[in-house]
């Protein structure tokens, strides 16, 4: 520092601070290399994204009430539980978003990359779908169709029989009540407040 009274600003030793900065950079580099060597190793090979082979169950708890207390495990608490990520999602839309999301797919061991389709694979897929449609048409058997028609006709006949029985019962009930109505009119009262006749 200079001893002049008019020079009141503090002066820094540049060489000393440059040495300190270089040492700090060396330490940071060595720490970074250590952490990279720990993190590295064999690179993780993840599967390509593929279609789900199971049906997502969103309806099993629909309309049911569950008592939840402090000791209830997270898998049985309210909402949708993901056992892969060990988390609970409160509604079905967010649950579907979670299942299709990056974090869940990574926990399953998949990357978010999709296998690129070639012309041959698309043609094979079309052929497979065409075969499925043909099998459905073959399964539509004439004998089975005739049996279904016969069952429907039998149900219709049964329904008509029931209607006839109900109609007969109603007629019998009205015939039984007519003599009672005659007696009531002779005695001087016509009913209990109802103006409607049967």
N, C-alpha and C. Protein backbone atom coordinates (compact mmCIF):
# COMPACT_ATOMS: atom_id res chain seq x y z
N UNK A 1 0.84 -1.18 0.00
CA UNK A 1 0.00 0.00 0.00
C UNK A 1 0.88 1.24 0.00
N UNK A 2 0.35 2.20 -0.70
CA UNK A 2 1.12 3.45 -0.74
C UNK A 2 0.82 4.27 0.52
N UNK A 3 1.73 5.07 0.87
CA UNK A 3 1.60 5.83 2.10
C UNK A 3 1.06 7.23 1.85
N UNK A 4 0.73 7.51 0.63
CA UNK A 4 0.23 8.85 0.35
C UNK A 4 -1.16 9.04 0.94
N UNK A 5 -1.41 10.18 1.59
CA UNK A 5 -2.71 10.41 2.23
C UNK A 5 -3.84 10.62 1.23
N UNK A 6 -3.53 11.16 0.05
CA UNK A 6 -4.61 11.40 -0.90
C UNK A 6 -5.05 10.11 -1.62
N UNK A 7 -4.25 9.04 -1.55
CA UNK A 7 -4.60 7.75 -2.17
C UNK A 7 -5.23 6.87 -1.10
N UNK A 8 -6.53 6.94 -0.95
CA UNK A 8 -7.21 6.21 0.13
C UNK A 8 -7.73 4.83 -0.29
N UNK A 9 -7.65 4.47 -1.55
CA UNK A 9 -8.17 3.18 -2.00
C UNK A 9 -7.23 2.05 -1.63
N UNK A 10 -7.85 0.88 -1.37
CA UNK A 10 -7.06 -0.29 -1.00
C UNK A 10 -6.47 -0.93 -2.23
N UNK A 11 -5.25 -1.37 -2.15
CA UNK A 11 -4.57 -2.02 -3.27
C UNK A 11 -4.47 -3.51 -3.00
N UNK A 12 -4.66 -4.34 -4.05
CA UNK A 12 -4.64 -5.80 -3.94
C UNK A 12 -3.38 -6.35 -4.55
N UNK A 13 -2.91 -7.44 -3.95
CA UNK A 13 -1.73 -8.12 -4.49
C UNK A 13 -2.22 -9.10 -5.56
N UNK A 14 -2.08 -8.75 -6.82
CA UNK A 14 -2.61 -9.55 -7.93
C UNK A 14 -2.00 -10.92 -7.99
N UNK A 15 -0.72 -11.03 -7.79
CA UNK A 15 -0.03 -12.34 -7.90
C UNK A 15 -0.58 -13.32 -6.87
N UNK A 16 -0.78 -12.88 -5.67
CA UNK A 16 -1.27 -13.76 -4.61
C UNK A 16 -2.67 -14.28 -4.93
N UNK A 17 -3.54 -13.39 -5.39
CA UNK A 17 -4.91 -13.82 -5.70
C UNK A 17 -4.99 -14.69 -6.95
N UNK A 18 -4.10 -14.46 -7.91
CA UNK A 18 -4.06 -15.34 -9.09
C UNK A 18 -3.64 -16.76 -8.69
N UNK A 19 -2.70 -16.88 -7.77
CA UNK A 19 -2.29 -18.20 -7.28
C UNK A 19 -3.45 -18.90 -6.57
N UNK A 20 -4.18 -18.16 -5.72
CA UNK A 20 -5.33 -18.74 -5.02
C UNK A 20 -6.40 -19.21 -6.01
N UNK A 21 -6.64 -18.41 -7.05
CA UNK A 21 -7.65 -18.78 -8.05
C UNK A 21 -7.22 -20.04 -8.80
N UNK A 22 -5.94 -20.13 -9.16
CA UNK A 22 -5.45 -21.32 -9.87
C UNK A 22 -5.58 -22.57 -9.00
N UNK A 23 -5.27 -22.45 -7.71
CA UNK A 23 -5.40 -23.59 -6.80
C UNK A 23 -6.86 -24.04 -6.68
N UNK A 24 -7.76 -23.06 -6.58
CA UNK A 24 -9.19 -23.40 -6.48
C UNK A 24 -9.67 -24.10 -7.75
N UNK A 25 -9.25 -23.63 -8.91
CA UNK A 25 -9.63 -24.28 -10.17
C UNK A 25 -9.10 -25.70 -10.25
N UNK A 26 -7.86 -25.92 -9.77
CA UNK A 26 -7.28 -27.27 -9.77
C UNK A 26 -8.09 -28.20 -8.87
N UNK A 27 -8.48 -27.70 -7.69
CA UNK A 27 -9.29 -28.51 -6.75
C UNK A 27 -10.65 -28.86 -7.38
N UNK A 28 -11.28 -27.87 -8.01
CA UNK A 28 -12.57 -28.13 -8.64
C UNK A 28 -12.45 -29.15 -9.76
N UNK A 29 -11.37 -29.05 -10.54
CA UNK A 29 -11.16 -30.01 -11.63
C UNK A 29 -10.97 -31.41 -11.08
N UNK A 30 -10.16 -31.53 -10.03
CA UNK A 30 -9.90 -32.86 -9.46
C UNK A 30 -11.18 -33.44 -8.86
N UNK A 31 -12.00 -32.60 -8.20
CA UNK A 31 -13.27 -33.09 -7.65
C UNK A 31 -14.22 -33.52 -8.77
N UNK A 32 -14.24 -32.76 -9.85
CA UNK A 32 -15.11 -33.08 -10.98
C UNK A 32 -14.70 -34.40 -11.62
N UNK A 33 -13.41 -34.60 -11.78
CA UNK A 33 -12.91 -35.85 -12.37
C UNK A 33 -13.22 -37.04 -11.46
N UNK A 34 -13.11 -36.85 -10.16
CA UNK A 34 -13.43 -37.93 -9.21
C UNK A 34 -14.91 -38.31 -9.31
N UNK A 35 -15.76 -37.28 -9.33
CA UNK A 35 -17.20 -37.56 -9.39
C UNK A 35 -17.57 -38.21 -10.73
N UNK A 36 -16.93 -37.78 -11.82
CA UNK A 36 -17.20 -38.37 -13.12
C UNK A 36 -16.72 -39.82 -13.18
N UNK A 37 -15.59 -40.09 -12.56
CA UNK A 37 -15.09 -41.46 -12.57
C UNK A 37 -16.01 -42.37 -11.75
N UNK A 38 -16.59 -41.81 -10.68
CA UNK A 38 -17.54 -42.60 -9.89
C UNK A 38 -18.83 -42.82 -10.67
N UNK A 39 -19.32 -41.75 -11.32
CA UNK A 39 -20.57 -41.85 -12.06
C UNK A 39 -20.42 -42.72 -13.29
N UNK A 40 -19.31 -42.56 -13.97
CA UNK A 40 -19.13 -43.30 -15.21
C UNK A 40 -18.98 -44.77 -14.91
N UNK A 41 -18.49 -45.48 -15.73
CA UNK A 41 -18.50 -46.92 -15.64
C UNK A 41 -19.17 -47.38 -16.92
N UNK A 42 -19.76 -48.55 -16.90
CA UNK A 42 -20.42 -48.96 -18.14
C UNK A 42 -21.68 -48.14 -18.37
N UNK A 43 -21.90 -47.61 -19.56
CA UNK A 43 -23.10 -46.83 -19.82
C UNK A 43 -24.33 -47.73 -19.75
N UNK A 44 -25.41 -47.18 -19.22
CA UNK A 44 -26.64 -47.95 -19.06
C UNK A 44 -27.33 -48.07 -20.41
N UNK A 45 -27.56 -49.31 -20.82
CA UNK A 45 -28.26 -49.56 -22.09
C UNK A 45 -29.73 -49.78 -21.78
N UNK A 46 -30.57 -48.90 -22.24
CA UNK A 46 -32.00 -48.99 -21.98
C UNK A 46 -32.72 -49.51 -23.22
N UNK A 47 -33.85 -50.18 -22.96
CA UNK A 47 -34.67 -50.68 -24.06
C UNK A 47 -35.35 -49.53 -24.77
N UNK A 48 -35.72 -49.78 -26.02
CA UNK A 48 -36.53 -48.79 -26.73
C UNK A 48 -37.95 -48.85 -26.20
N UNK A 49 -38.64 -47.76 -26.32
CA UNK A 49 -40.01 -47.67 -25.84
C UNK A 49 -40.90 -48.64 -26.60
N UNK A 50 -41.73 -49.39 -25.88
CA UNK A 50 -42.62 -50.34 -26.54
C UNK A 50 -44.02 -50.23 -25.95
N UNK A 51 -44.98 -50.84 -26.63
CA UNK A 51 -46.37 -50.73 -26.18
C UNK A 51 -46.60 -51.52 -24.91
N UNK A 52 -47.59 -51.09 -24.15
CA UNK A 52 -47.94 -51.73 -22.89
C UNK A 52 -48.66 -53.03 -23.19
N UNK A 53 -48.31 -54.10 -22.48
CA UNK A 53 -48.91 -55.42 -22.73
C UNK A 53 -50.01 -55.73 -21.72
N UNK A 54 -50.30 -54.82 -20.82
CA UNK A 54 -51.33 -55.04 -19.82
C UNK A 54 -52.32 -53.87 -19.87
N UNK A 55 -53.50 -54.11 -19.34
CA UNK A 55 -54.53 -53.08 -19.32
C UNK A 55 -54.39 -52.28 -18.02
N UNK A 56 -54.40 -50.98 -18.13
CA UNK A 56 -54.31 -50.11 -16.96
C UNK A 56 -55.67 -50.13 -16.25
N UNK A 57 -55.65 -50.48 -14.97
CA UNK A 57 -56.89 -50.61 -14.20
C UNK A 57 -57.23 -49.29 -13.54
N UNK A 58 -58.20 -48.60 -14.12
CA UNK A 58 -58.64 -47.32 -13.56
C UNK A 58 -60.00 -47.43 -12.89
N UNK A 59 -60.73 -48.53 -13.14
CA UNK A 59 -62.12 -48.63 -12.69
C UNK A 59 -62.32 -49.46 -11.44
N UNK A 60 -61.31 -50.17 -10.95
CA UNK A 60 -61.53 -51.11 -9.85
C UNK A 60 -61.97 -50.42 -8.56
N UNK A 61 -61.47 -49.22 -8.29
CA UNK A 61 -61.81 -48.52 -7.04
C UNK A 61 -62.89 -47.47 -7.25
N UNK A 62 -63.46 -47.42 -8.45
CA UNK A 62 -64.45 -46.41 -8.78
C UNK A 62 -65.73 -46.63 -8.00
N UNK A 63 -66.20 -45.62 -7.31
CA UNK A 63 -67.44 -45.69 -6.56
C UNK A 63 -67.33 -46.38 -5.21
N UNK A 64 -66.14 -46.72 -4.78
CA UNK A 64 -65.96 -47.39 -3.49
C UNK A 64 -65.35 -46.41 -2.50
N UNK A 65 -65.73 -46.56 -1.24
CA UNK A 65 -65.16 -45.70 -0.21
C UNK A 65 -64.22 -46.52 0.68
N UNK A 66 -63.13 -45.90 1.07
CA UNK A 66 -62.10 -46.58 1.87
C UNK A 66 -61.80 -45.72 3.09
N UNK A 67 -61.68 -46.35 4.24
CA UNK A 67 -61.30 -45.63 5.45
C UNK A 67 -59.77 -45.59 5.51
N UNK A 68 -59.23 -44.39 5.62
CA UNK A 68 -57.78 -44.20 5.63
C UNK A 68 -57.39 -43.56 6.96
N UNK A 69 -56.41 -44.16 7.63
CA UNK A 69 -55.90 -43.56 8.86
C UNK A 69 -54.38 -43.43 8.77
N UNK A 70 -53.74 -43.08 9.86
CA UNK A 70 -52.29 -42.85 9.84
C UNK A 70 -51.50 -44.10 9.45
N UNK A 71 -51.98 -45.26 9.88
CA UNK A 71 -51.22 -46.49 9.68
C UNK A 71 -51.50 -47.18 8.34
N UNK A 72 -52.36 -46.61 7.52
CA UNK A 72 -52.68 -47.22 6.23
C UNK A 72 -51.45 -47.14 5.32
N UNK A 73 -51.05 -48.25 4.70
CA UNK A 73 -49.90 -48.20 3.78
C UNK A 73 -50.22 -47.34 2.56
N UNK A 74 -49.19 -46.80 1.95
CA UNK A 74 -49.40 -45.88 0.82
C UNK A 74 -50.08 -46.57 -0.35
N UNK A 75 -49.88 -47.87 -0.51
CA UNK A 75 -50.49 -48.58 -1.63
C UNK A 75 -52.00 -48.67 -1.48
N UNK A 76 -52.51 -48.57 -0.25
CA UNK A 76 -53.94 -48.68 -0.02
C UNK A 76 -54.58 -47.34 0.33
N UNK A 77 -53.81 -46.29 0.29
CA UNK A 77 -54.37 -44.98 0.58
C UNK A 77 -55.13 -44.47 -0.64
N UNK A 78 -55.77 -43.34 -0.52
CA UNK A 78 -56.59 -42.81 -1.59
C UNK A 78 -55.79 -42.47 -2.83
N UNK A 79 -56.33 -42.76 -3.98
CA UNK A 79 -55.67 -42.43 -5.23
C UNK A 79 -55.12 -43.66 -5.91
N UNK A 80 -54.31 -43.44 -6.93
CA UNK A 80 -53.72 -44.51 -7.72
C UNK A 80 -52.26 -44.68 -7.31
N UNK A 81 -51.88 -45.91 -7.00
CA UNK A 81 -50.53 -46.20 -6.50
C UNK A 81 -49.68 -46.79 -7.62
N UNK A 82 -48.50 -46.25 -7.81
CA UNK A 82 -47.54 -46.78 -8.78
C UNK A 82 -46.48 -47.54 -8.00
N UNK A 83 -46.46 -48.87 -8.16
CA UNK A 83 -45.50 -49.67 -7.39
C UNK A 83 -44.09 -49.59 -7.97
N UNK A 84 -43.93 -49.16 -9.21
CA UNK A 84 -42.60 -49.02 -9.81
C UNK A 84 -41.89 -47.82 -9.20
N UNK A 85 -42.61 -46.70 -9.11
CA UNK A 85 -42.01 -45.46 -8.59
C UNK A 85 -42.32 -45.23 -7.12
N UNK A 86 -43.17 -46.07 -6.52
CA UNK A 86 -43.57 -45.96 -5.13
C UNK A 86 -44.14 -44.57 -4.82
N UNK A 87 -45.17 -44.21 -5.60
CA UNK A 87 -45.82 -42.92 -5.37
C UNK A 87 -47.32 -43.07 -5.55
N UNK A 88 -48.06 -42.11 -5.00
CA UNK A 88 -49.52 -42.11 -5.10
C UNK A 88 -49.93 -40.88 -5.90
N UNK A 89 -50.79 -41.11 -6.90
CA UNK A 89 -51.31 -40.03 -7.73
C UNK A 89 -52.81 -39.94 -7.46
N UNK A 90 -53.34 -38.75 -7.32
CA UNK A 90 -54.70 -38.58 -6.83
C UNK A 90 -55.79 -38.80 -7.87
N UNK A 91 -55.56 -38.56 -9.15
CA UNK A 91 -56.64 -38.77 -10.12
C UNK A 91 -56.15 -39.53 -11.35
N UNK A 92 -57.10 -40.02 -12.14
CA UNK A 92 -56.77 -40.94 -13.24
C UNK A 92 -55.99 -40.24 -14.35
N UNK A 93 -56.29 -39.00 -14.62
CA UNK A 93 -55.58 -38.30 -15.71
C UNK A 93 -54.11 -38.14 -15.36
N UNK A 94 -53.84 -37.71 -14.13
CA UNK A 94 -52.44 -37.56 -13.71
C UNK A 94 -51.74 -38.91 -13.62
N UNK A 95 -52.49 -39.96 -13.27
CA UNK A 95 -51.90 -41.31 -13.20
C UNK A 95 -51.47 -41.75 -14.59
N UNK A 96 -52.31 -41.52 -15.59
CA UNK A 96 -51.94 -41.87 -16.97
C UNK A 96 -50.75 -41.04 -17.44
N UNK A 97 -50.74 -39.76 -17.07
CA UNK A 97 -49.59 -38.91 -17.42
C UNK A 97 -48.32 -39.46 -16.77
N UNK A 98 -48.43 -39.90 -15.51
CA UNK A 98 -47.27 -40.45 -14.81
C UNK A 98 -46.77 -41.73 -15.47
N UNK A 99 -47.69 -42.63 -15.80
CA UNK A 99 -47.31 -43.91 -16.41
C UNK A 99 -46.62 -43.69 -17.75
N UNK A 100 -47.08 -42.71 -18.51
CA UNK A 100 -46.50 -42.45 -19.83
C UNK A 100 -45.29 -41.50 -19.75
N UNK A 101 -44.96 -41.05 -18.55
CA UNK A 101 -43.90 -40.05 -18.40
C UNK A 101 -42.49 -40.63 -18.40
N UNK A 102 -41.55 -39.72 -18.46
CA UNK A 102 -40.13 -40.06 -18.58
C UNK A 102 -39.60 -40.78 -17.34
N UNK A 103 -39.97 -40.29 -16.16
CA UNK A 103 -39.45 -40.86 -14.91
C UNK A 103 -39.90 -42.31 -14.76
N UNK A 104 -41.17 -42.58 -15.00
CA UNK A 104 -41.71 -43.94 -14.85
C UNK A 104 -41.08 -44.88 -15.88
N UNK A 105 -40.95 -44.42 -17.11
CA UNK A 105 -40.36 -45.26 -18.16
C UNK A 105 -38.90 -45.56 -17.86
N UNK A 106 -38.20 -44.59 -17.30
CA UNK A 106 -36.80 -44.81 -16.95
C UNK A 106 -36.68 -45.82 -15.82
N UNK A 107 -37.61 -45.75 -14.84
CA UNK A 107 -37.60 -46.74 -13.76
C UNK A 107 -37.93 -48.14 -14.25
N UNK A 108 -38.69 -48.22 -15.34
CA UNK A 108 -38.98 -49.52 -15.96
C UNK A 108 -37.81 -50.04 -16.77
N UNK A 109 -36.84 -49.18 -17.05
CA UNK A 109 -35.66 -49.59 -17.82
C UNK A 109 -35.79 -49.29 -19.29
N UNK A 110 -36.61 -48.31 -19.62
CA UNK A 110 -36.78 -47.96 -21.03
C UNK A 110 -36.34 -46.52 -21.26
N UNK A 111 -35.84 -46.29 -22.45
CA UNK A 111 -35.56 -44.91 -22.83
C UNK A 111 -36.80 -44.39 -23.53
N UNK A 112 -36.85 -43.11 -23.79
CA UNK A 112 -38.03 -42.54 -24.45
C UNK A 112 -37.90 -42.58 -25.97
N UNK A 113 -36.91 -43.31 -26.47
CA UNK A 113 -36.73 -43.41 -27.92
C UNK A 113 -37.58 -44.55 -28.47
N UNK A 114 -38.11 -44.34 -29.64
CA UNK A 114 -38.99 -45.31 -30.27
C UNK A 114 -38.24 -45.96 -31.43
N UNK A 115 -38.50 -47.26 -31.62
CA UNK A 115 -37.88 -47.96 -32.73
C UNK A 115 -38.42 -47.40 -34.04
N UNK A 116 -37.52 -47.12 -34.94
CA UNK A 116 -37.92 -46.53 -36.21
C UNK A 116 -38.53 -47.62 -37.10
N UNK A 117 -39.70 -47.33 -37.63
CA UNK A 117 -40.40 -48.30 -38.47
C UNK A 117 -39.84 -48.28 -39.88
N UNK A 118 -39.74 -49.47 -40.44
CA UNK A 118 -39.32 -49.57 -41.84
C UNK A 118 -40.54 -49.92 -42.68
N UNK A 119 -40.41 -49.86 -43.97
CA UNK A 119 -41.51 -50.16 -44.87
C UNK A 119 -41.96 -51.61 -44.71
N UNK A 120 -41.01 -52.51 -44.54
CA UNK A 120 -41.33 -53.93 -44.38
C UNK A 120 -42.14 -54.18 -43.10
N UNK A 121 -41.74 -53.52 -42.00
CA UNK A 121 -42.46 -53.74 -40.74
C UNK A 121 -43.90 -53.21 -40.83
N UNK A 122 -44.09 -52.10 -41.54
CA UNK A 122 -45.44 -51.55 -41.70
C UNK A 122 -46.29 -52.48 -42.54
N UNK A 123 -45.71 -53.05 -43.60
CA UNK A 123 -46.46 -54.00 -44.45
C UNK A 123 -46.84 -55.25 -43.66
N UNK A 124 -45.92 -55.74 -42.85
CA UNK A 124 -46.20 -56.92 -42.03
C UNK A 124 -47.35 -56.62 -41.06
N UNK A 125 -47.34 -55.43 -40.50
CA UNK A 125 -48.38 -55.05 -39.55
C UNK A 125 -49.75 -55.00 -40.24
N UNK A 126 -49.78 -54.45 -41.46
CA UNK A 126 -51.03 -54.42 -42.22
C UNK A 126 -51.53 -55.82 -42.50
N UNK A 127 -50.62 -56.72 -42.90
CA UNK A 127 -51.01 -58.10 -43.18
C UNK A 127 -51.56 -58.78 -41.92
N UNK A 128 -50.92 -58.54 -40.79
CA UNK A 128 -51.37 -59.12 -39.52
C UNK A 128 -52.78 -58.64 -39.17
N UNK A 129 -53.02 -57.34 -39.31
CA UNK A 129 -54.35 -56.80 -39.03
C UNK A 129 -55.39 -57.33 -40.00
N UNK A 130 -55.00 -57.53 -41.26
CA UNK A 130 -55.92 -58.07 -42.26
C UNK A 130 -56.31 -59.50 -41.90
N UNK A 131 -55.33 -60.29 -41.45
CA UNK A 131 -55.61 -61.68 -41.04
C UNK A 131 -56.56 -61.70 -39.84
N UNK A 132 -56.35 -60.80 -38.88
CA UNK A 132 -57.24 -60.73 -37.72
C UNK A 132 -58.67 -60.44 -38.13
N UNK A 133 -58.86 -59.52 -39.07
CA UNK A 133 -60.21 -59.18 -39.55
C UNK A 133 -60.85 -60.39 -40.23
N UNK A 134 -60.08 -61.12 -41.01
CA UNK A 134 -60.61 -62.32 -41.69
C UNK A 134 -61.01 -63.39 -40.67
N UNK A 135 -60.21 -63.56 -39.62
CA UNK A 135 -60.54 -64.54 -38.58
C UNK A 135 -61.84 -64.16 -37.88
N UNK A 136 -62.04 -62.88 -37.64
CA UNK A 136 -63.29 -62.43 -37.01
C UNK A 136 -64.48 -62.77 -37.89
N UNK A 137 -64.34 -62.58 -39.20
CA UNK A 137 -65.43 -62.90 -40.12
C UNK A 137 -65.71 -64.40 -40.13
N UNK A 138 -64.67 -65.22 -40.05
CA UNK A 138 -64.85 -66.68 -40.02
C UNK A 138 -65.54 -67.10 -38.73
N UNK A 139 -65.18 -66.43 -37.64
CA UNK A 139 -65.78 -66.77 -36.34
C UNK A 139 -67.27 -66.47 -36.31
N UNK A 140 -67.71 -65.58 -37.16
CA UNK A 140 -69.11 -65.23 -37.23
C UNK A 140 -69.85 -66.37 -37.92
N UNK A 141 -70.14 -67.39 -37.16
CA UNK A 141 -70.70 -68.63 -37.67
C UNK A 141 -72.21 -68.50 -37.86
N UNK A 142 -72.72 -69.14 -38.90
CA UNK A 142 -74.15 -69.08 -39.18
C UNK A 142 -74.97 -69.79 -38.10
N UNK A 143 -74.50 -70.94 -37.65
CA UNK A 143 -75.23 -71.70 -36.63
C UNK A 143 -75.32 -70.89 -35.33
N UNK A 144 -74.25 -70.25 -34.96
CA UNK A 144 -74.26 -69.44 -33.74
C UNK A 144 -75.23 -68.27 -33.90
N UNK A 145 -75.26 -67.68 -35.07
CA UNK A 145 -76.18 -66.56 -35.32
C UNK A 145 -77.63 -67.03 -35.22
N UNK A 146 -77.93 -68.20 -35.78
CA UNK A 146 -79.29 -68.74 -35.71
C UNK A 146 -79.70 -69.01 -34.26
N UNK A 147 -78.75 -69.51 -33.48
CA UNK A 147 -79.02 -69.78 -32.07
C UNK A 147 -79.32 -68.47 -31.32
N UNK A 148 -78.56 -67.42 -31.61
CA UNK A 148 -78.79 -66.12 -30.97
C UNK A 148 -80.18 -65.59 -31.32
N UNK A 149 -80.58 -65.74 -32.59
CA UNK A 149 -81.91 -65.27 -33.01
C UNK A 149 -83.00 -66.04 -32.28
N UNK A 150 -82.81 -67.37 -32.15
CA UNK A 150 -83.81 -68.19 -31.45
C UNK A 150 -83.93 -67.77 -29.99
N UNK A 151 -82.79 -67.48 -29.33
CA UNK A 151 -82.81 -67.04 -27.94
C UNK A 151 -83.53 -65.70 -27.79
N UNK A 152 -83.28 -64.78 -28.73
CA UNK A 152 -83.94 -63.49 -28.68
C UNK A 152 -85.46 -63.64 -28.85
N UNK A 153 -85.87 -64.51 -29.77
CA UNK A 153 -87.31 -64.74 -29.97
C UNK A 153 -87.94 -65.35 -28.72
N UNK A 154 -87.23 -66.28 -28.07
CA UNK A 154 -87.75 -66.90 -26.86
C UNK A 154 -87.92 -65.85 -25.75
N UNK A 155 -86.96 -64.95 -25.63
CA UNK A 155 -87.06 -63.88 -24.63
C UNK A 155 -88.26 -62.98 -24.92
N UNK A 156 -88.48 -62.68 -26.20
CA UNK A 156 -89.61 -61.86 -26.59
C UNK A 156 -90.93 -62.54 -26.26
N UNK A 157 -91.03 -63.84 -26.53
CA UNK A 157 -92.24 -64.60 -26.19
C UNK A 157 -92.50 -64.57 -24.69
N UNK A 158 -91.44 -64.79 -23.91
CA UNK A 158 -91.56 -64.78 -22.45
C UNK A 158 -92.04 -63.42 -21.96
N UNK A 159 -91.50 -62.37 -22.54
CA UNK A 159 -91.90 -61.01 -22.17
C UNK A 159 -93.39 -60.78 -22.45
N UNK A 160 -93.86 -61.23 -23.61
CA UNK A 160 -95.28 -61.08 -23.97
C UNK A 160 -96.17 -61.88 -23.02
N UNK A 161 -95.75 -63.09 -22.65
CA UNK A 161 -96.52 -63.90 -21.70
C UNK A 161 -96.68 -63.17 -20.37
N UNK A 162 -95.58 -62.61 -19.89
CA UNK A 162 -95.62 -61.87 -18.62
C UNK A 162 -96.58 -60.69 -18.71
N UNK A 163 -96.56 -59.97 -19.82
CA UNK A 163 -97.44 -58.83 -20.01
C UNK A 163 -98.90 -59.27 -19.97
N UNK A 164 -99.22 -60.39 -20.64
CA UNK A 164 -100.60 -60.90 -20.65
C UNK A 164 -101.05 -61.27 -19.24
N UNK A 165 -100.15 -61.95 -18.49
CA UNK A 165 -100.50 -62.34 -17.11
C UNK A 165 -100.79 -61.10 -16.26
N UNK A 166 -99.97 -60.08 -16.38
CA UNK A 166 -100.18 -58.85 -15.62
C UNK A 166 -101.51 -58.19 -15.98
N UNK A 167 -101.82 -58.21 -17.27
CA UNK A 167 -103.06 -57.60 -17.72
C UNK A 167 -104.27 -58.35 -17.15
N UNK A 168 -104.21 -59.69 -17.16
CA UNK A 168 -105.30 -60.50 -16.61
C UNK A 168 -105.48 -60.23 -15.11
N UNK A 169 -104.36 -60.17 -14.38
CA UNK A 169 -104.44 -59.89 -12.95
C UNK A 169 -105.08 -58.53 -12.69
N UNK A 170 -104.74 -57.55 -13.50
CA UNK A 170 -105.30 -56.21 -13.33
C UNK A 170 -106.81 -56.23 -13.58
N UNK A 171 -107.23 -56.97 -14.59
CA UNK A 171 -108.68 -57.07 -14.88
C UNK A 171 -109.41 -57.76 -13.73
N UNK A 172 -108.83 -58.82 -13.18
CA UNK A 172 -109.45 -59.54 -12.06
C UNK A 172 -109.57 -58.64 -10.83
N UNK A 173 -108.56 -57.86 -10.58
CA UNK A 173 -108.59 -56.96 -9.44
C UNK A 173 -109.69 -55.91 -9.60
N UNK A 174 -109.84 -55.39 -10.82
CA UNK A 174 -110.88 -54.38 -11.05
C UNK A 174 -112.27 -54.98 -10.90
N UNK A 175 -112.47 -56.24 -11.32
CA UNK A 175 -113.76 -56.92 -11.17
C UNK A 175 -114.09 -57.15 -9.69
N UNK A 176 -113.09 -57.46 -8.89
CA UNK A 176 -113.31 -57.68 -7.46
C UNK A 176 -113.68 -56.38 -6.75
N UNK A 177 -113.16 -55.27 -7.21
CA UNK A 177 -113.41 -54.00 -6.54
C UNK A 177 -114.76 -53.39 -6.92
N UNK A 178 -115.34 -53.80 -8.04
CA UNK A 178 -116.64 -53.25 -8.45
C UNK A 178 -117.73 -53.52 -7.42
N UNK A 179 -117.88 -54.76 -6.89
CA UNK A 179 -118.92 -54.96 -5.86
C UNK A 179 -118.67 -54.12 -4.62
N UNK A 180 -117.44 -53.92 -4.24
CA UNK A 180 -117.13 -53.10 -3.07
C UNK A 180 -117.55 -51.66 -3.32
N UNK A 181 -117.35 -51.18 -4.55
CA UNK A 181 -117.75 -49.81 -4.89
C UNK A 181 -119.26 -49.64 -4.80
N UNK A 182 -120.01 -50.66 -5.22
CA UNK A 182 -121.47 -50.61 -5.13
C UNK A 182 -121.92 -50.50 -3.68
N UNK A 183 -121.30 -51.31 -2.82
CA UNK A 183 -121.65 -51.29 -1.39
C UNK A 183 -121.32 -49.93 -0.79
N UNK A 184 -120.16 -49.38 -1.16
CA UNK A 184 -119.75 -48.09 -0.64
C UNK A 184 -120.71 -47.00 -1.07
N UNK A 185 -121.21 -47.03 -2.29
CA UNK A 185 -122.13 -46.00 -2.76
C UNK A 185 -123.49 -46.12 -2.06
N UNK A 186 -123.90 -47.35 -1.76
CA UNK A 186 -125.17 -47.54 -1.04
C UNK A 186 -125.05 -46.98 0.36
N UNK A 187 -123.88 -47.16 1.00
CA UNK A 187 -123.69 -46.69 2.38
C UNK A 187 -123.52 -45.18 2.43
N UNK A 188 -123.21 -44.53 1.31
CA UNK A 188 -123.16 -43.08 1.31
C UNK A 188 -121.77 -42.48 1.18
N UNK A 189 -120.77 -43.25 1.02
CA UNK A 189 -119.46 -42.66 0.76
C UNK A 189 -118.86 -43.34 -0.46
N UNK A 190 -118.10 -42.51 -1.20
CA UNK A 190 -117.61 -43.02 -2.49
C UNK A 190 -116.14 -43.42 -2.45
N UNK A 191 -115.40 -43.01 -1.47
CA UNK A 191 -113.98 -43.38 -1.43
C UNK A 191 -113.24 -42.57 -0.39
N UNK A 192 -111.96 -42.64 -0.43
CA UNK A 192 -111.12 -41.93 0.54
C UNK A 192 -110.39 -40.78 -0.11
N UNK A 193 -111.07 -39.89 -0.70
CA UNK A 193 -110.47 -38.69 -1.25
C UNK A 193 -109.98 -38.82 -2.67
N UNK A 194 -110.07 -39.95 -3.26
CA UNK A 194 -109.58 -40.13 -4.61
C UNK A 194 -110.74 -39.99 -5.57
N UNK A 195 -110.58 -39.15 -6.57
CA UNK A 195 -111.64 -38.96 -7.57
C UNK A 195 -111.41 -39.85 -8.77
N UNK A 196 -110.29 -40.53 -8.77
CA UNK A 196 -109.91 -41.37 -9.91
C UNK A 196 -110.59 -42.73 -9.81
N UNK A 197 -111.24 -43.17 -10.91
CA UNK A 197 -111.86 -44.49 -10.92
C UNK A 197 -110.97 -45.46 -11.66
N UNK A 198 -111.04 -46.70 -11.21
CA UNK A 198 -110.21 -47.73 -11.84
C UNK A 198 -110.97 -48.42 -12.94
